[in-house]
Amino acid sequence: MIATAIALQDATKDAVMNKEMISLAYSLYKNKDIMDEREFANAIFDYSAHLSSLTATLVLNAVLTKSQISEMMDTIKEMENMEKDITND
């Protein structure tokens, strides 16, 4: 349990400290004065979405094995196909 908590903490830290994320954050900070409110809001949203996605990916890799991730993805695809079948009927 402690190992899992540490793995989650490390995954979150790795996402936040990711080289690309730091570059994106720096770019946002550096260019904030030349963007209008809408552009800045969109840029912040994109940054947030990218950070969330990266964090989720790293957390999944920290707590699940590759076979468990593959099984989860197969289940998601199966559920999506079932949804399509239901909505098409």
N, C-alpha and C. Protein backbone atom coordinates (compact mmCIF):
# COMPACT_ATOMS: atom_id res chain seq x y z
N MET A 1 0.83 -1.19 0.00
CA MET A 1 0.00 0.00 0.00
C MET A 1 0.87 1.26 0.00
N ILE A 2 1.91 1.26 0.83
CA ILE A 2 2.83 2.39 0.86
C ILE A 2 3.54 2.51 -0.49
N ALA A 3 3.94 1.39 -1.06
CA ALA A 3 4.62 1.41 -2.36
C ALA A 3 3.72 2.00 -3.44
N THR A 4 2.43 1.67 -3.40
CA THR A 4 1.49 2.22 -4.37
C THR A 4 1.34 3.72 -4.18
N ALA A 5 1.24 4.17 -2.95
CA ALA A 5 1.13 5.61 -2.67
C ALA A 5 2.36 6.35 -3.17
N ILE A 6 3.51 5.78 -2.95
CA ILE A 6 4.75 6.41 -3.42
C ILE A 6 4.80 6.42 -4.95
N ALA A 7 4.36 5.33 -5.57
CA ALA A 7 4.32 5.26 -7.04
C ALA A 7 3.38 6.32 -7.60
N LEU A 8 2.23 6.53 -6.95
CA LEU A 8 1.29 7.56 -7.39
C LEU A 8 1.90 8.95 -7.24
N GLN A 9 2.54 9.17 -6.12
CA GLN A 9 3.18 10.46 -5.87
C GLN A 9 4.28 10.71 -6.91
N ASP A 10 5.09 9.71 -7.19
CA ASP A 10 6.16 9.85 -8.17
C ASP A 10 5.60 10.10 -9.58
N ALA A 11 4.53 9.41 -9.92
CA ALA A 11 3.92 9.60 -11.24
C ALA A 11 3.40 11.02 -11.40
N THR A 12 2.79 11.55 -10.36
CA THR A 12 2.28 12.91 -10.40
C THR A 12 3.44 13.90 -10.52
N LYS A 13 4.48 13.69 -9.74
CA LYS A 13 5.66 14.56 -9.80
C LYS A 13 6.29 14.50 -11.18
N ASP A 14 6.41 13.31 -11.73
CA ASP A 14 7.01 13.15 -13.06
C ASP A 14 6.20 13.87 -14.13
N ALA A 15 4.89 13.87 -14.00
CA ALA A 15 4.04 14.58 -14.97
C ALA A 15 4.25 16.08 -14.86
N VAL A 16 4.23 16.59 -13.65
CA VAL A 16 4.38 18.04 -13.45
C VAL A 16 5.77 18.52 -13.86
N MET A 17 6.77 17.71 -13.59
CA MET A 17 8.15 18.09 -13.89
C MET A 17 8.62 17.62 -15.27
N ASN A 18 7.71 17.10 -16.08
CA ASN A 18 8.02 16.66 -17.43
C ASN A 18 8.57 17.84 -18.24
N LYS A 19 9.62 17.58 -19.01
CA LYS A 19 10.30 18.63 -19.77
C LYS A 19 9.33 19.39 -20.68
N GLU A 20 8.47 18.67 -21.37
CA GLU A 20 7.50 19.32 -22.26
C GLU A 20 6.50 20.17 -21.47
N MET A 21 6.07 19.67 -20.30
CA MET A 21 5.11 20.43 -19.49
C MET A 21 5.76 21.71 -18.97
N ILE A 22 7.01 21.62 -18.56
CA ILE A 22 7.70 22.81 -18.07
C ILE A 22 7.86 23.83 -19.21
N SER A 23 8.20 23.35 -20.40
CA SER A 23 8.34 24.25 -21.55
C SER A 23 7.01 24.91 -21.88
N LEU A 24 5.94 24.15 -21.82
CA LEU A 24 4.62 24.71 -22.10
C LEU A 24 4.23 25.75 -21.05
N ALA A 25 4.48 25.44 -19.79
CA ALA A 25 4.18 26.40 -18.73
C ALA A 25 5.00 27.68 -18.89
N TYR A 26 6.28 27.52 -19.24
CA TYR A 26 7.14 28.69 -19.45
C TYR A 26 6.63 29.52 -20.61
N SER A 27 6.24 28.86 -21.68
CA SER A 27 5.70 29.56 -22.85
C SER A 27 4.44 30.34 -22.49
N LEU A 28 3.56 29.73 -21.70
CA LEU A 28 2.34 30.42 -21.26
C LEU A 28 2.69 31.67 -20.45
N TYR A 29 3.62 31.51 -19.53
CA TYR A 29 4.03 32.64 -18.69
C TYR A 29 4.67 33.75 -19.53
N LYS A 30 5.55 33.34 -20.43
CA LYS A 30 6.28 34.31 -21.24
C LYS A 30 5.36 35.08 -22.19
N ASN A 31 4.33 34.42 -22.71
CA ASN A 31 3.47 35.03 -23.72
C ASN A 31 2.12 35.51 -23.19
N LYS A 32 1.94 35.48 -21.89
CA LYS A 32 0.62 35.82 -21.32
C LYS A 32 0.18 37.24 -21.66
N ASP A 33 1.11 38.16 -21.79
CA ASP A 33 0.75 39.56 -22.04
C ASP A 33 0.40 39.84 -23.49
N ILE A 34 0.77 38.95 -24.41
CA ILE A 34 0.45 39.20 -25.82
C ILE A 34 -0.80 38.44 -26.27
N MET A 35 -1.37 37.64 -25.37
CA MET A 35 -2.60 36.92 -25.69
C MET A 35 -3.80 37.68 -25.14
N ASP A 36 -4.90 37.63 -25.89
CA ASP A 36 -6.12 38.20 -25.32
C ASP A 36 -6.70 37.18 -24.33
N GLU A 37 -7.75 37.55 -23.63
CA GLU A 37 -8.31 36.69 -22.58
C GLU A 37 -8.73 35.33 -23.12
N ARG A 38 -9.34 35.31 -24.30
CA ARG A 38 -9.82 34.05 -24.87
C ARG A 38 -8.65 33.13 -25.25
N GLU A 39 -7.63 33.69 -25.87
CA GLU A 39 -6.45 32.90 -26.23
C GLU A 39 -5.77 32.34 -24.99
N PHE A 40 -5.65 33.18 -23.96
CA PHE A 40 -5.00 32.75 -22.73
C PHE A 40 -5.82 31.64 -22.05
N ALA A 41 -7.14 31.81 -22.02
CA ALA A 41 -8.01 30.79 -21.43
C ALA A 41 -7.87 29.47 -22.19
N ASN A 42 -7.85 29.53 -23.51
CA ASN A 42 -7.68 28.32 -24.32
C ASN A 42 -6.32 27.68 -24.06
N ALA A 43 -5.29 28.50 -23.94
CA ALA A 43 -3.94 27.97 -23.69
C ALA A 43 -3.87 27.30 -22.32
N ILE A 44 -4.49 27.91 -21.32
CA ILE A 44 -4.52 27.31 -19.97
C ILE A 44 -5.30 26.00 -20.00
N PHE A 45 -6.41 25.98 -20.73
CA PHE A 45 -7.19 24.75 -20.85
C PHE A 45 -6.36 23.65 -21.50
N ASP A 46 -5.67 23.99 -22.60
CA ASP A 46 -4.83 23.00 -23.28
C ASP A 46 -3.74 22.47 -22.35
N TYR A 47 -3.11 23.37 -21.61
CA TYR A 47 -2.06 22.97 -20.66
C TYR A 47 -2.65 22.02 -19.61
N SER A 48 -3.78 22.39 -19.06
CA SER A 48 -4.43 21.59 -18.03
C SER A 48 -4.81 20.21 -18.56
N ALA A 49 -5.37 20.17 -19.76
CA ALA A 49 -5.78 18.90 -20.37
C ALA A 49 -4.55 18.01 -20.62
N HIS A 50 -3.49 18.60 -21.11
CA HIS A 50 -2.27 17.83 -21.38
C HIS A 50 -1.68 17.29 -20.07
N LEU A 51 -1.63 18.14 -19.06
CA LEU A 51 -1.10 17.71 -17.76
C LEU A 51 -1.95 16.60 -17.15
N SER A 52 -3.26 16.75 -17.24
CA SER A 52 -4.16 15.71 -16.71
C SER A 52 -3.99 14.39 -17.43
N SER A 53 -3.89 14.46 -18.74
CA SER A 53 -3.71 13.25 -19.54
C SER A 53 -2.39 12.56 -19.23
N LEU A 54 -1.33 13.35 -19.16
CA LEU A 54 -0.03 12.78 -18.84
C LEU A 54 -0.02 12.16 -17.44
N THR A 55 -0.63 12.86 -16.49
CA THR A 55 -0.70 12.33 -15.12
C THR A 55 -1.48 11.02 -15.09
N ALA A 56 -2.61 10.98 -15.76
CA ALA A 56 -3.42 9.75 -15.79
C ALA A 56 -2.64 8.60 -16.41
N THR A 57 -1.93 8.87 -17.50
CA THR A 57 -1.13 7.83 -18.15
C THR A 57 -0.04 7.30 -17.23
N LEU A 58 0.68 8.21 -16.59
CA LEU A 58 1.76 7.78 -15.69
C LEU A 58 1.22 7.05 -14.46
N VAL A 59 0.07 7.49 -13.96
CA VAL A 59 -0.53 6.81 -12.81
C VAL A 59 -0.97 5.40 -13.21
N LEU A 60 -1.61 5.28 -14.37
CA LEU A 60 -2.01 3.95 -14.84
C LEU A 60 -0.81 3.03 -14.96
N ASN A 61 0.26 3.54 -15.53
CA ASN A 61 1.47 2.73 -15.68
C ASN A 61 2.09 2.38 -14.33
N ALA A 62 1.87 3.21 -13.33
CA ALA A 62 2.43 2.97 -12.00
C ALA A 62 1.66 1.91 -11.23
N VAL A 63 0.34 1.82 -11.47
CA VAL A 63 -0.46 0.92 -10.64
C VAL A 63 -0.98 -0.32 -11.36
N LEU A 64 -0.90 -0.33 -12.70
CA LEU A 64 -1.38 -1.48 -13.45
C LEU A 64 -0.25 -2.08 -14.29
N THR A 65 -0.32 -3.37 -14.48
CA THR A 65 0.63 -4.02 -15.38
C THR A 65 0.19 -3.78 -16.82
N LYS A 66 1.09 -4.05 -17.76
CA LYS A 66 0.75 -3.86 -19.17
C LYS A 66 -0.44 -4.73 -19.57
N SER A 67 -0.51 -5.94 -19.06
CA SER A 67 -1.63 -6.82 -19.41
C SER A 67 -2.94 -6.28 -18.82
N GLN A 68 -2.89 -5.70 -17.62
CA GLN A 68 -4.10 -5.12 -17.02
C GLN A 68 -4.56 -3.90 -17.82
N ILE A 69 -3.61 -3.10 -18.28
CA ILE A 69 -3.96 -1.92 -19.10
C ILE A 69 -4.57 -2.39 -20.41
N SER A 70 -3.99 -3.41 -21.02
CA SER A 70 -4.51 -3.95 -22.28
C SER A 70 -5.93 -4.49 -22.08
N GLU A 71 -6.14 -5.20 -20.99
CA GLU A 71 -7.48 -5.74 -20.68
C GLU A 71 -8.48 -4.61 -20.47
N MET A 72 -8.06 -3.56 -19.79
CA MET A 72 -8.93 -2.42 -19.55
C MET A 72 -9.30 -1.75 -20.87
N MET A 73 -8.32 -1.57 -21.76
CA MET A 73 -8.58 -0.95 -23.06
C MET A 73 -9.53 -1.81 -23.90
N ASP A 74 -9.35 -3.12 -23.85
CA ASP A 74 -10.25 -4.02 -24.56
C ASP A 74 -11.68 -3.90 -24.04
N THR A 75 -11.82 -3.81 -22.73
CA THR A 75 -13.14 -3.65 -22.11
C THR A 75 -13.78 -2.33 -22.52
N ILE A 76 -12.99 -1.26 -22.56
CA ILE A 76 -13.51 0.04 -22.99
C ILE A 76 -14.00 -0.04 -24.43
N LYS A 77 -13.20 -0.65 -25.29
CA LYS A 77 -13.61 -0.80 -26.70
C LYS A 77 -14.89 -1.62 -26.82
N GLU A 78 -14.97 -2.68 -26.04
CA GLU A 78 -16.17 -3.52 -26.06
C GLU A 78 -17.39 -2.72 -25.62
N MET A 79 -17.25 -1.92 -24.58
CA MET A 79 -18.36 -1.10 -24.09
C MET A 79 -18.75 -0.06 -25.14
N GLU A 80 -17.78 0.53 -25.82
CA GLU A 80 -18.07 1.51 -26.86
C GLU A 80 -18.83 0.85 -28.01
N ASN A 81 -18.42 -0.36 -28.38
CA ASN A 81 -19.13 -1.08 -29.44
C ASN A 81 -20.55 -1.42 -29.03
N MET A 82 -20.74 -1.81 -27.79
CA MET A 82 -22.09 -2.10 -27.29
C MET A 82 -22.94 -0.84 -27.34
N GLU A 83 -22.37 0.29 -26.97
CA GLU A 83 -23.10 1.55 -27.00
C GLU A 83 -23.52 1.89 -28.43
N LYS A 84 -22.62 1.70 -29.39
CA LYS A 84 -22.93 1.95 -30.79
C LYS A 84 -24.06 1.04 -31.25
N ASP A 85 -23.99 -0.23 -30.88
CA ASP A 85 -25.04 -1.19 -31.26
C ASP A 85 -26.39 -0.79 -30.70
N ILE A 86 -26.39 -0.34 -29.45
CA ILE A 86 -27.64 0.05 -28.79
C ILE A 86 -28.22 1.30 -29.43
N THR A 87 -27.37 2.29 -29.71
CA THR A 87 -27.88 3.55 -30.26
C THR A 87 -28.27 3.41 -31.73
N ASN A 88 -27.75 2.41 -32.43
CA ASN A 88 -28.10 2.20 -33.83
C ASN A 88 -29.40 1.43 -33.99
N ASP A 89 -29.85 0.77 -32.94
CA ASP A 89 -31.10 -0.01 -33.01
C ASP A 89 -32.32 0.83 -32.83
